[in-house]
Structures are given as C-alpha cells and as structure tokens.
Protein backbone atom coordinates (compact mmCIF):
# COMPACT_ATOMS: atom_id res chain seq x y z
CA MET A 1 8.66 -37.09 -46.87
CA MET A 2 9.54 -36.31 -43.21
CA LEU A 3 11.01 -32.81 -44.25
CA ARG A 4 7.83 -31.95 -46.18
CA LYS A 5 5.59 -32.97 -43.10
CA SER A 6 7.82 -30.70 -40.91
CA ASN A 7 7.40 -27.75 -43.27
CA GLU A 8 3.54 -28.32 -43.36
CA SER A 9 3.36 -28.35 -39.66
CA TRP A 10 5.06 -24.97 -39.27
CA SER A 11 3.01 -21.80 -39.82
CA TRP A 12 4.57 -18.48 -40.04
CA PRO A 13 1.49 -16.53 -39.50
CA GLN A 14 0.88 -18.38 -36.43
CA PHE A 15 4.41 -17.78 -35.26
CA ILE A 16 3.87 -13.97 -35.94
CA TRP A 17 0.72 -14.14 -33.85
CA ALA A 18 2.52 -15.73 -31.12
CA ILE A 19 5.05 -12.99 -31.00
CA LEU A 20 2.27 -10.19 -31.34
CA LEU A 21 0.65 -12.12 -28.39
CA ILE A 22 3.58 -11.10 -26.25
CA VAL A 23 4.60 -7.82 -27.77
CA LEU A 24 1.02 -6.16 -27.71
CA PRO A 25 0.46 -6.50 -24.06
CA ASN A 26 4.01 -5.00 -23.49
CA ALA A 27 3.41 -2.15 -25.93
CA ALA A 28 0.13 -1.41 -24.17
CA MET A 29 1.98 -1.36 -20.81
CA TYR A 30 4.85 0.69 -22.12
CA ILE A 31 2.65 3.33 -23.71
CA PHE A 32 0.75 3.56 -20.42
CA ALA A 33 4.10 3.94 -18.42
CA ASN A 34 5.09 6.68 -20.89
CA MET A 35 1.86 8.47 -20.35
CA TYR A 36 2.71 8.93 -16.73
CA SER A 37 6.58 9.40 -17.28
CA LEU A 38 7.30 6.15 -15.73
CA GLU A 39 10.23 3.76 -16.59
CA ARG A 40 9.48 0.17 -17.84
CA PRO A 41 11.49 -2.35 -19.73
CA TYR A 42 10.36 -2.73 -23.30
CA ILE A 43 9.58 -6.41 -22.93
CA ASN A 44 8.33 -8.04 -19.71
CA VAL A 45 9.19 -11.62 -20.03
CA ASP A 46 6.53 -12.72 -17.50
CA TYR A 47 4.02 -12.83 -20.27
CA ALA A 48 6.00 -15.47 -22.17
CA LEU A 49 5.95 -17.50 -18.99
CA VAL A 50 2.22 -17.24 -18.86
CA MET A 51 2.05 -18.47 -22.43
CA LEU A 52 4.12 -21.50 -21.49
CA ILE A 53 1.71 -22.39 -18.72
CA ILE A 54 -1.26 -22.04 -21.01
CA LEU A 55 0.35 -24.19 -23.82
CA ALA A 56 0.43 -27.08 -21.10
CA ASN A 57 -3.33 -27.01 -21.04
CA GLN A 58 -3.41 -25.50 -17.63
CA ARG A 59 -6.01 -22.81 -18.13
CA LEU A 60 -6.75 -22.08 -14.57
CA ALA A 61 -3.10 -21.79 -13.67
CA GLY A 62 -2.58 -19.74 -16.76
CA ALA A 63 -5.18 -17.22 -15.60
CA ILE A 64 -3.72 -17.01 -12.26
CA ALA A 65 -0.16 -16.60 -13.59
CA LEU A 66 -1.45 -13.71 -15.91
CA VAL A 67 -3.07 -11.82 -13.02
CA PHE A 68 0.15 -12.37 -11.00
CA ALA A 69 2.28 -11.23 -13.84
CA PHE A 70 0.04 -8.28 -14.43
CA PHE A 71 -0.06 -7.38 -10.67
CA PHE A 72 3.69 -7.09 -10.56
CA ASP A 73 3.88 -5.20 -13.88
CA VAL A 74 1.51 -2.60 -12.30
CA LEU A 75 3.34 -2.70 -9.02
CA ALA A 76 6.61 -1.77 -10.70
CA LEU A 77 5.03 1.27 -12.11
CA MET A 78 3.29 2.40 -8.99
CA GLY A 79 6.43 2.03 -7.04
CA GLN A 80 7.66 5.08 -9.01
CA ILE A 81 4.87 7.23 -7.65
CA PHE A 82 4.17 5.64 -4.42
CA PRO A 83 7.20 3.57 -3.15
CA ILE A 84 5.72 0.28 -1.69
CA LEU A 85 8.40 -1.37 0.14
CA ARG A 86 6.30 -4.20 1.51
CA PHE A 87 3.31 -5.88 0.07
CA SER A 88 1.61 -5.40 3.37
CA ASP A 89 1.80 -1.65 2.72
CA MET A 90 -0.79 -1.93 0.03
CA PRO A 91 -3.92 -1.66 2.15
CA TYR A 92 -2.73 1.60 3.42
CA MET A 93 -2.34 3.12 -0.02
CA ALA A 94 -5.67 1.73 -0.98
CA LYS A 95 -7.25 3.91 1.55
CA PHE A 96 -6.38 7.00 -0.48
CA ILE A 97 -7.94 5.90 -3.89
CA GLY A 98 -10.88 8.05 -3.33
CA VAL A 99 -8.79 11.25 -2.94
CA ALA A 100 -6.34 10.30 -5.79
CA PRO A 101 -6.16 12.78 -8.70
CA SER A 102 -8.42 12.28 -11.51
CA GLY A 103 -5.58 11.18 -13.80
CA TYR A 104 -4.72 8.16 -11.52
CA LYS A 105 -8.25 7.22 -11.36
CA VAL A 106 -8.44 7.22 -15.20
CA GLY A 107 -5.17 5.32 -15.22
CA ALA A 108 -6.68 2.62 -12.75
CA ILE A 109 -9.88 2.17 -15.13
CA PHE A 110 -7.61 1.85 -18.18
CA LEU A 111 -5.48 -0.81 -16.49
CA CYS A 112 -8.64 -2.79 -15.54
CA PHE A 113 -9.52 -2.68 -19.24
CA ILE A 114 -6.03 -3.81 -20.34
CA LEU A 115 -6.22 -6.69 -17.93
CA ILE A 116 -9.66 -7.84 -19.40
CA VAL A 117 -8.08 -7.58 -22.95
CA PHE A 118 -4.93 -9.59 -21.76
CA VAL A 119 -7.32 -12.38 -20.38
CA PHE A 120 -9.14 -12.51 -23.83
CA LEU A 121 -5.83 -12.74 -25.84
CA PHE A 122 -4.31 -15.43 -23.58
CA LEU A 123 -6.97 -17.50 -22.67
CA PHE A 124 -9.74 -17.41 -25.29
CA ARG A 125 -7.55 -17.28 -28.36
CA ASN A 126 -7.55 -21.06 -29.57
CA SER A 127 -3.86 -21.81 -30.26
CA ASP A 128 -4.13 -25.59 -29.58
CA ARG A 129 -3.75 -26.49 -33.32
CA LYS A 130 -0.41 -24.54 -33.77
CA ARG A 131 1.43 -25.15 -30.40
CA LEU A 132 4.84 -25.37 -31.80
CA GLU A 133 4.98 -21.79 -32.96
CA PHE A 134 3.81 -20.47 -29.53
CA LEU A 135 6.24 -22.84 -27.78
CA ALA A 136 9.10 -21.42 -30.04
CA CYS A 137 8.12 -17.69 -29.49
CA ALA A 138 7.80 -18.07 -25.73
CA ASN A 139 11.25 -19.82 -25.43
CA LEU A 140 12.73 -17.20 -27.74
CA PHE A 141 11.79 -14.38 -25.28
CA ILE A 142 12.80 -16.49 -22.22
CA PHE A 143 16.20 -17.11 -23.84
CA ALA A 144 16.64 -13.40 -24.44
CA TYR A 145 15.84 -12.68 -20.81
CA ALA A 146 18.40 -15.45 -19.71
CA VAL A 147 21.06 -13.83 -21.85
CA SER A 148 20.46 -10.31 -20.40
CA ALA A 149 20.24 -11.75 -16.84
CA ILE A 150 23.65 -13.56 -17.23
CA PHE A 151 25.61 -10.73 -19.15
CA GLY A 152 23.63 -7.62 -18.33
CA SER A 153 24.27 -5.38 -15.12
CA GLU A 154 20.65 -5.10 -14.13
CA ARG A 155 20.17 -4.63 -10.40
CA ALA A 156 17.00 -4.18 -8.49
CA SER A 157 18.19 -2.10 -5.54
CA GLN A 158 15.21 0.40 -5.30
CA VAL A 159 11.54 -0.26 -5.61
CA TRP A 160 11.10 3.31 -6.84
CA HIS A 161 14.04 3.44 -9.52
CA SER A 162 13.61 1.30 -12.64
CA LYS A 163 16.25 2.91 -14.90
CA ALA A 164 19.12 1.04 -16.42
CA ARG A 165 17.32 -2.20 -16.75
CA SER A 166 17.56 -4.65 -19.46
CA ILE A 167 15.42 -4.41 -22.65
CA VAL A 168 13.97 -7.84 -21.78
CA SER A 169 13.30 -8.13 -18.04
CA SER A 170 11.07 -9.60 -15.44
CA GLN A 171 8.82 -7.49 -13.42
CA VAL A 172 8.10 -10.30 -10.91
CA VAL A 173 11.82 -10.82 -10.38
CA PHE A 174 12.25 -7.04 -10.01
CA GLY A 175 9.33 -6.97 -7.52
CA PHE A 176 10.85 -9.48 -5.31
CA ASP A 177 14.57 -8.60 -5.71
CA SER A 178 13.96 -4.96 -4.93
CA ARG A 179 12.33 -5.72 -1.66
CA ARG A 180 15.29 -7.91 -0.47
CA THR A 181 17.60 -5.13 -0.09
CA GLY A 182 19.35 -4.33 3.03
CA PHE A 183 17.34 -1.32 4.18
CA VAL A 184 14.19 -3.03 3.51
CA ASP A 185 15.29 -6.00 5.74
CA SER A 186 16.19 -3.52 8.39
CA LEU A 187 12.41 -2.73 8.79
CA TYR A 188 12.08 -6.07 10.40
CA VAL A 189 15.05 -6.00 12.84
CA GLU A 190 14.54 -6.67 16.51
CA GLY A 191 16.49 -5.29 19.53
CA ASP A 192 17.53 -1.88 20.71
CA ILE A 193 16.88 0.86 18.20
CA PHE A 194 19.35 3.34 19.71
CA SER A 195 22.90 3.00 20.74
CA GLY A 196 24.11 4.81 23.95
CA VAL A 197 25.84 7.41 21.80
CA THR A 198 24.49 11.09 21.80
CA LEU A 199 25.13 12.40 18.18
CA PRO A 200 26.36 15.93 17.50
CA SER A 201 23.47 17.83 15.88
CA ALA A 202 22.38 21.07 14.60
CA THR A 203 19.55 21.22 17.00
CA LYS A 204 21.70 20.87 20.03
CA PRO A 205 21.15 24.48 21.17
CA TRP A 206 17.42 23.68 21.04
CA PHE A 207 17.67 20.66 23.21
CA ASP A 208 20.03 22.34 25.60
CA ASP A 209 17.64 25.40 26.21
CA ILE A 210 14.28 24.26 25.11
CA LEU A 211 12.28 26.25 27.73
CA ASN A 212 13.40 29.60 26.14
CA LEU A 213 12.88 28.35 22.54
CA GLU A 214 11.01 30.88 20.31
CA ASP A 215 7.21 30.36 19.94
CA LYS A 216 7.60 29.52 16.26
CA VAL A 217 10.48 27.20 15.28
CA LEU A 218 11.16 25.29 11.86
CA LEU A 219 13.54 22.56 11.48
CA ILE A 220 14.39 21.61 7.78
CA VAL A 221 16.35 18.45 7.01
CA ASN A 222 17.66 19.02 3.62
CA GLU A 223 18.24 15.90 1.45
CA SER A 224 21.71 15.47 0.01
CA TRP A 225 23.11 18.88 0.79
CA GLY A 226 27.00 18.54 0.94
CA VAL A 227 29.90 20.60 2.24
CA THR A 228 31.68 22.26 -0.56
CA SER A 229 33.99 25.36 -1.32
CA GLN A 230 32.94 28.65 0.02
CA ARG A 231 32.46 29.85 -3.72
CA ILE A 232 30.02 26.97 -4.58
CA GLN A 233 28.25 27.21 -1.19
CA SER A 234 27.62 30.83 -1.35
CA ALA A 235 26.03 30.37 -4.81
CA VAL A 236 23.88 27.59 -3.59
CA LEU A 237 22.74 29.64 -0.52
CA SER A 238 22.66 33.01 -2.47
CA PRO A 239 18.70 33.17 -2.26
CA LEU A 240 19.04 33.19 1.49
CA LEU A 241 22.12 35.15 1.83
CA GLU A 242 20.48 37.95 -0.28
CA SER A 243 17.37 37.79 2.11
CA THR A 244 18.85 40.33 4.51
CA GLU A 245 15.61 42.15 4.98
CA GLU A 246 13.85 38.92 6.01
CA ILE A 247 16.31 37.22 8.20
CA PHE A 248 18.90 37.96 10.85
CA ASP A 249 21.34 36.23 13.53
CA TRP A 250 22.73 34.10 10.68
CA GLU A 251 25.10 31.29 11.66
CA GLN A 252 26.51 28.31 9.78
CA GLY A 253 28.78 25.21 10.37
CA GLU A 254 29.51 21.76 9.72
CA LEU A 255 28.93 18.33 11.26
CA THR A 256 30.52 15.00 10.88
CA PHE A 257 28.05 12.27 9.96
CA ASN A 258 27.70 9.26 7.90
CA GLY A 259 24.36 7.38 7.46
CA MET A 260 20.98 7.20 5.62
CA THR A 261 18.25 9.85 5.77
CA VAL A 262 16.25 8.32 8.68
CA LYS A 263 19.38 8.32 10.78
CA GLY A 264 19.82 11.98 9.90
CA GLU A 265 16.25 12.65 11.07
CA ILE A 266 16.81 11.08 14.34
CA ARG A 267 20.09 12.71 14.83
CA GLU A 268 18.23 16.16 14.59
CA LEU A 269 14.93 15.12 16.22
CA CYS A 270 16.24 12.95 19.10
CA GLN A 271 20.02 13.44 19.32
CA LYS A 272 20.29 9.45 19.13
CA ASP A 273 22.29 7.11 17.07
CA LEU A 274 19.66 4.78 15.16
CA LEU A 275 20.62 1.14 14.98
CA HIS A 276 17.90 0.03 12.55
CA PHE A 277 14.66 1.22 11.20
CA SER A 278 12.09 -1.12 12.86
CA PHE A 279 10.44 1.40 15.34
CA LYS A 280 7.55 -0.91 16.27
CA GLY A 281 7.64 -1.62 19.97
CA HIS A 282 9.88 1.26 20.82
CA GLU A 283 7.48 3.93 21.53
CA GLU A 284 8.68 4.47 25.00
CA LYS A 285 12.27 5.48 23.81
CA LEU A 286 10.85 8.10 21.47
CA LYS A 287 9.33 10.17 24.27
CA ASP A 288 12.41 12.16 24.78
CA CYS A 289 12.55 13.30 21.10
CA MET A 290 11.95 17.01 20.44
CA PRO A 291 8.36 16.86 19.07
CA ASN A 292 7.13 15.15 22.14
CA ARG A 293 8.88 17.60 24.44
CA LEU A 294 7.55 20.53 22.59
CA ARG A 295 4.12 19.07 22.56
CA GLU A 296 4.38 19.13 26.50
CA LEU A 297 5.22 22.61 26.35
CA GLY A 298 2.16 23.55 24.37
CA TYR A 299 3.49 23.53 20.68
CA GLU A 300 1.46 22.51 17.83
CA THR A 301 3.73 19.89 15.96
CA HIS A 302 3.57 19.57 12.13
CA SER A 303 5.63 17.49 9.75
CA PHE A 304 5.95 17.98 6.06
CA HIS A 305 7.39 15.36 3.66
CA GLY A 306 6.60 14.84 -0.07
CA ALA A 307 7.03 11.08 -0.25
CA ALA A 308 4.41 8.58 0.75
CA GLY A 309 3.96 8.24 4.42
CA LEU A 310 4.57 4.38 4.28
CA MET A 311 8.36 5.15 3.22
CA TYR A 312 10.30 4.06 6.09
CA ASP A 313 7.02 3.70 8.08
CA ARG A 314 6.96 7.46 8.72
CA ALA A 315 3.19 7.48 8.94
CA LYS A 316 3.51 5.05 11.86
CA TRP A 317 6.56 6.40 13.96
CA TYR A 318 6.12 10.16 13.31
CA PRO A 319 2.98 10.25 15.67
CA ASP A 320 5.10 8.26 18.17
CA ILE A 321 7.87 10.78 18.09
CA GLY A 322 5.44 13.54 18.72
CA PHE A 323 4.04 14.93 15.47
CA GLU A 324 0.23 15.66 15.76
CA ASN A 325 -0.28 16.82 12.13
CA LEU A 326 1.22 14.87 9.24
CA THR A 327 1.49 16.02 5.62
CA PHE A 328 2.75 13.39 3.04
CA LEU A 329 2.15 12.59 -0.71
CA GLU A 330 -1.09 11.07 -0.08
CA SER A 331 -2.42 14.07 2.05
CA TYR A 332 -3.53 16.28 -0.69
CA ILE A 333 -3.81 16.31 -4.59
CA TRP A 334 -0.61 18.09 -5.68
CA PRO A 335 -0.18 20.33 -8.72
CA ASN A 336 2.90 18.47 -9.86
CA ARG A 337 4.73 15.20 -9.34
CA CYS A 338 8.54 15.25 -8.89
CA TYR A 339 11.08 12.54 -10.21
CA SER A 340 14.48 12.49 -8.20
CA PHE A 341 12.52 10.57 -5.69
CA PRO A 342 8.71 9.89 -6.22
CA GLY A 343 6.56 12.33 -4.58
CA ALA A 344 5.32 15.92 -4.30
CA CYS A 345 7.61 18.67 -5.19
CA ASP A 346 9.12 20.76 -2.56
CA VAL A 347 8.35 24.11 -4.29
CA ASP A 348 4.66 22.99 -3.80
CA LEU A 349 5.13 21.81 -0.38
CA ALA A 350 6.55 25.10 0.75
CA ASN A 351 3.11 26.66 0.41
CA TYR A 352 1.71 24.33 2.97
CA VAL A 353 4.59 25.08 5.44
CA THR A 354 3.97 28.77 5.20
CA SER A 355 0.22 28.55 5.58
CA THR A 356 0.67 26.40 8.74
CA TYR A 357 2.53 29.27 10.48
CA ALA A 358 -0.59 31.72 10.04
CA SER A 359 -1.69 30.47 13.51
CA ASP A 360 -1.09 32.34 16.52
CA ASN A 361 -0.21 29.28 18.57
CA LYS A 362 3.11 28.01 19.40
CA ILE A 363 4.41 25.78 16.44
CA PHE A 364 7.05 23.44 15.74
CA GLY A 365 7.35 22.48 12.00
CA TYR A 366 9.57 19.81 10.60
CA TRP A 367 10.17 19.79 6.90
CA LEU A 368 12.08 16.82 5.42
CA THR A 369 12.97 17.77 1.92
CA LEU A 370 12.69 15.32 -1.00
CA ASN A 371 13.50 16.60 -4.48
CA THR A 372 17.38 16.88 -4.01
CA HIS A 373 17.58 13.20 -3.75
CA HIS A 374 19.83 11.07 -5.96
CA SER A 375 19.66 10.79 -9.03
CA TYR A 376 18.89 14.68 -9.14
CA ASP A 377 16.37 14.63 -11.94
CA LEU A 378 16.52 17.95 -13.80
CA ARG A 379 12.69 17.43 -14.59
CA ASP A 380 12.30 18.68 -10.89
CA LEU A 381 13.71 22.12 -11.77
CA SER A 382 10.87 24.66 -12.11
CA VAL A 383 12.56 28.03 -11.52
CA GLY A 384 15.61 29.63 -12.66
CA VAL A 385 18.74 28.25 -11.11
CA LEU A 386 22.43 28.97 -10.97
CA HIS A 387 24.89 28.25 -13.88
CA CYS A 388 27.26 25.64 -12.92
CA GLU A 389 30.06 26.85 -15.37
CA GLU A 390 30.20 30.23 -13.47
CA ILE A 391 31.30 28.52 -10.27
CA GLY A 392 33.69 26.09 -11.88
CA VAL A 393 31.56 23.07 -11.97
CA ASP A 394 31.15 20.93 -15.26
CA SER A 395 27.56 21.30 -16.32
CA ASP A 396 27.05 17.70 -17.45
CA THR A 397 27.41 16.05 -14.04
CA GLU A 398 25.59 14.81 -11.18
CA VAL A 399 27.36 17.43 -9.10
CA CYS A 400 25.91 20.22 -11.15
CA ARG A 401 22.29 18.64 -11.10
CA ASN A 402 22.67 18.45 -7.26
CA LEU A 403 23.76 22.02 -6.94
CA LYS A 404 20.95 23.27 -9.32
CA LEU A 405 18.24 21.45 -7.17
CA GLN A 406 19.74 22.68 -3.95
CA ASN A 407 19.76 26.18 -5.16
CA GLN A 408 16.06 25.77 -6.41
CA PHE A 409 15.39 24.46 -2.82
CA PHE A 410 16.90 27.65 -1.08
CA LYS A 411 14.86 29.82 -3.48
CA SER A 412 11.73 27.96 -2.09
CA VAL A 413 13.03 28.68 1.56
CA ALA A 414 13.61 32.32 0.81
CA LYS A 415 10.08 32.66 -0.36
CA VAL A 416 8.88 30.86 2.73
CA VAL A 417 10.61 33.27 5.00
CA SER A 418 9.37 36.40 3.03
CA SER A 419 5.88 35.39 4.39
CA PRO A 420 4.43 37.57 7.14
CA ASN A 421 3.28 34.29 8.69
CA MET A 422 6.86 33.39 9.38
CA SER A 423 7.55 36.58 11.29
CA GLY A 424 9.68 35.65 14.44
CA THR A 425 10.35 32.06 13.46
CA ARG A 426 13.59 30.43 14.37
CA VAL A 427 14.90 28.35 11.62
CA ILE A 428 17.58 25.57 11.22
CA ILE A 429 18.52 23.92 7.97
CA VAL A 430 20.78 20.98 8.13
CA SER A 431 21.72 18.18 5.72
CA ASP A 432 20.61 14.52 6.23
CA HIS A 433 23.79 13.19 4.71
CA GLU A 434 26.50 14.10 2.29
CA PRO A 435 25.39 13.85 -1.49
CA ARG A 436 25.39 10.44 -3.26
CA ILE A 437 27.50 10.87 -6.31
CA SER A 438 28.14 7.81 -8.61
CA ASN A 439 31.52 9.18 -9.78
CA GLN A 440 33.65 8.98 -6.66
CA ALA A 441 36.37 11.29 -8.38
CA GLU A 442 33.74 13.83 -8.78
CA MET A 443 32.47 13.41 -5.32
CA GLU A 444 36.07 14.03 -3.84
CA LYS A 445 36.70 16.87 -6.11
CA TYR A 446 33.80 19.11 -5.09
CA PHE A 447 32.48 17.69 -1.65
CA GLU A 448 33.99 16.96 1.71
CA ILE A 449 33.51 13.10 2.62
CA GLY A 450 31.63 12.57 5.83
CA LYS A 451 30.65 16.29 6.32
CA ILE A 452 27.36 17.85 6.34
CA PRO A 453 26.40 21.68 6.49
CA TRP A 454 23.94 23.52 8.50
CA VAL A 455 22.65 27.07 8.84
CA SER A 456 20.70 28.80 11.65
CA PHE A 457 18.73 32.14 11.44
CA GLN A 458 15.60 33.95 12.81
CA VAL A 459 12.98 35.57 10.49
CA ARG A 460 12.37 39.40 11.30
C-alpha cells in the first residue's frame, strides 16, 4: 500500500517538465552566446538554485534570485566583449549604449525578452502540486555541479576568458572568482606607485634628447612579441624589412624585462618601475612621463588601444599621463571584433593611427596593440601570413599562432608607414613582455626567457 502511494505521487511528465525548466533557459542563453561567438557552459546551475528557492514558496526571493542569476549570466558573456573588472565599471560602459553597434542593441532587446520569458516560466508556472519532481531535478543539477567543482579543473582567472570550463558551471561563482584575481586586487593597492629604479627602455634616446625629437613620433608597444632566432624573427619582421622604400635608419635590439603589459607601458612611457596598478592619487608622479613632457613642447598626444578603456583603468590614467585624445573599443563602431583578447582588431585600428598623422601639427602617437595577446586566437587572422613549417616551427602550436599574428601585425605597420601621412615620422616598436606560452618546453625551445625585442626606424 505504501509503495503504491509513492508511485502515484511521482509524475514522470512533471519531472521532464522540471528538467526542461532548467534546460530551456540554458539553451536560449547558449544559442544567444553562439550568435555572438561567445563562450558559455552548457548548463548554468544558478537556475537550479532559483528553482529551489521558489519551491520553498519564496516567490519574491525567487524573483530576486532569478534576476541575480540572469545578471551574472549576461555579465559573463559581456566580459568577453568588454572586460568589466569591477562592478563599479558598469556605469562607464552604460554611457556607450547609444553608440553601440546595432547588433549589440538587438542583442540587448533579445535579452530583455528572454528575461521576461524566464520570469513567466519560473514564477507563474504552478508547480506546487508536484514539488517532489522539481526538488529531485534541482538537486540532480546541483549534484552534477558539485562533482565538476570537486573533480574538475575549472579556474576563473580572467573575466574575459571562459574557455575550459565545466559542462555544468555557475556564472555567479565565475563572476565573483574572476574578480578576486591578483591583478584585479592590485587595482585597489595603496602606497607608492613607482619604485626608485629607472628601467632600461627602448625610448631612452627620446627621453635623453627630447628637445630634438622629430615633429612626428609614434611609439608602438607590441603585445607578446618575443626574442627568438634570427631566422624566425626575420620572417616575422619581413613586411617591414622589405619596406626599404618607405623606411630608413633601421636599428633593432633587446631588453631584459619581466612583468605584465601595464608595467611594460610605464617602462616605455615613464622609464619607471611600476609597483601596482592603482593610479588614483598619483597624478603628480605622472607629470614627468613622456606624453606630458611632449604636450608642454607643443605636441598633440594620441593613444590607440583596441580594448575597452576601463581595462586597467586606462581611460582614467591615460589623461593623467598626458594623452589628450583617446581611442578605445568604445570610441567607434568597428567593422570587426577580435578574440585573442576582446576588443577591436589592430588591422582596423591601424587606419585610425594613419589618419591622425594627416595633421601638420607636431604629433606623438602611442599604439598599444591587442590581437597578439595569449591565447593567440586564429580567428583574428585576416591577411595572408607566414607558414610556420618553412621556419622550423610546428604548425599546431601556440608558438606558431603567436608568430602568425605577429607577422600580421607587422603587415599592418608596413601599410601604416607606406601612407604619405607618415612621412618623416620616427617610430619605435617594442614588446610589452615575452610571449605567454602554456607549454614551457615550447617556450624555452623558441623564445629567450626574460628578453623582449625592439626596433627603431624613420619613415621617408
């Protein structure tokens, strides 16, 4: 009698509906993510937790939890286009909704529609009669997440990188974990921002003789460009080495350096050793940096970077360091989006660099590249590039992808210097840091550890 009563209380159709109630929202969000080439786990377990709250007859709390889960689901996707390191950065990004590409606006409307559907499914579907099936379903997904969290290798180390995550994951956990990494914490550090050390830099000749600098100068800090063999480096640099009609006074060399991109920027712009990334309150110490010094000498100062301006607070400290004109991802509607690091493509940004130098005024331009960033996504390749096998590099490696993207970048530079706008411009290209290669053996085979290259030349 007891057994028959238990069987009567269980409804397989209701259990299937409970599964669909979690699967359908995840399917909708997964399809949306793929429409914009974004990474997302197949199942976001946060919706199972929402179901548990609603099963406890806490409809208001369930509604709040649903909006909370949806917010972090969307945030994890947005972070792959606009890296939002801190929740306080969101008002900054909200200012650019009006100038966002139409595809993003349509996506935002679609997400609002999805949220309304989610609210209807979770809050207005009467499941009180068959609570057991929903409880079993929610716990099934939560158990799957617990197993993946215990035995999986999922790590939330970057707000813009969601690959290698478990099939069942939590976007809320990812959202908080990815914002507790060391480099994010360093945005809040207090104390001296610079050490007393003057770092060797490719721009040292400019600092030493700044009064006699050419009227047009361009500094390019090139992401993840490494020191390698002469054969490989020549292949990477071949677009410039073949531009003998456009450039002269060629020099190249190496520097010893270890550090992150921002430290590499400050090394070249200020000749300083950066201790942390919290620039607020240190404006006075930035006055001796090159952009400020050149502004005093009558130069227009321009910066170009394809990532969002909130990344490392560049939109805030670039003006303090002396840049009057800023170009970031949010500055324009770009023809393409790149993936190695979320942002605009350097092959497109090159056109804005070139057009800036059409002015007859004295100009200092600073271009921080982006698309040669780890993990060297080949979706960022848009022009014919070198063949790794011809220079002794395995084609199916991170090293090869890095070299292909570097070669593409130097093709863009060759196009820039061929423009009449650039005539007379003095150019320095220097790496920010050595390439990040996951396979240490490959790194040591092809690159010199702790070394970065630079080149200097003038446009005819």
